[in-house]
């Protein structure tokens, strides 16, 4: 039996497959196949690719319970999305899978399982913070293994409409960005402003910030006229300061209520790498699965079907471009042109490029940041991340407490030598660090060879994507990138 986990219907549809021995055979995003960013629907292409790695029979596990969502919509007076898990997935998709059994799981439990059953821990306090599940917006769980079976006990929850995720999305819209898409841009903008509206946000939007009780249902955005005339950068800084304060309140509660000092953190809010620097103040060990949002819940649903600890090795679980990792060709291009794309091996599961669908550059040049932003047609203030040999990270970055490594680019750290690496340092002197262990991966081999040649243990790493589209998935996508942006993409 292979367990297929599916998330779809709201945003960022995904498919994951786990076999009867706990091996993750496949995990990817529907958007990579349809080329529609944050696509909420499944496609036959992703199902066909998944089936290549995992022949049937299948048991399908769905990441939430639609009847609970309908109940919340009814209570809130919202438009009701009628349908079962089977109708959401699609009868045509299920027919391709030979009409398997479909089992549903609670939304936040799928988030929790995606984190805990991929983590290195035997017990954990699990915190899930997102926009909204069926009804929960925040949940805290005790998680442990009993005779090898994963067990979960919910010990706290916050219900809709009181939501940290909806708050951040509403403020994203307030500064003219696209909610459920460009929250990461708002996070980057925060470095350019001052949190001068923190008290006003607390006074006008929150009933009780300690308990995360909001006055308004921010699902429909902030009230009309809110912070009119305010500078967008100051709004961003104030928004980030408030979200960090609210997250800290939840982490303090989790520390008090949870049995374990190991933290597993999931839900879309766990992608806020700036706030993640604070987690070590509450827990000794931290695990955030590299795809903690809704797409990653497809793996959580499959994990719940399997029931035990998964054999997690790395995040390279998607579509494969066959062939050895082309380290030498990449270095030749870097030495010649300073910037190169790479599309090789299996694609990353998660929103961040980790070396197999990346645009790489020498981080030392004064003009590199602007050149890469120009290639990607992004705002010039946007920062880039470094990918660095793990054993060198403390020489170049002050890692936050609780973060000895950051293998999935999940936390920011202050750069010790910003003048030497201007391309990967943000306006506030920090970088969103990706560390690479001695794992035999292609990106590890590349960095080792780059270090021998240049005495520089890092590269600039950003996602390889055409503006407005998801990351490159296959070689056809890579060819389009080369043609549009005149940057060589090596496979």
Foldseek 3Di string as FASTA:
>chain_A
DKEWFWAADPWFTKIWIADLVQATQFIATQQQVVQFHRHRAHDVVQLVQSCVRPPDDYAYEYQAFLVLLQVVCVVVVHDGDDDGPDVRNNPVSCVVNVNHHYHYDHNVLLLQLLFPLADPDQWAWEWEAAQATSWFRIWIWTWHADVQFIDIDTDDTDTPPLHLHLLLQLLCVVLPHHGPPCSVVLLLLLLVAALPCLVVCCVQFAPDLLVSHTPDSSNVHDDPPVPPPDDSSNSSNNSVVSSLSSVVSVLVVSLVPYDALEYGYAEPVLQSQASVLCNLVRHQAYTYPQARYSSSSSVSRSSVVSRGRHPHDFQQRHFADDDAQPLVVVVVCCVVPQKAFEAHTGAGHHQWGQPNQKIKGAQFDPCVQVVVCVLQVHPSQDAWAKEFALVCDVVFWDRGRNPSFAQSLRHKTATPCCNRGVRAAHSNRIGSYHYDYPRPDSVCVNQVVVCVVPVDGIITIGGCAHPSTGTNGYVVRQVVSCVVRVHHYYD
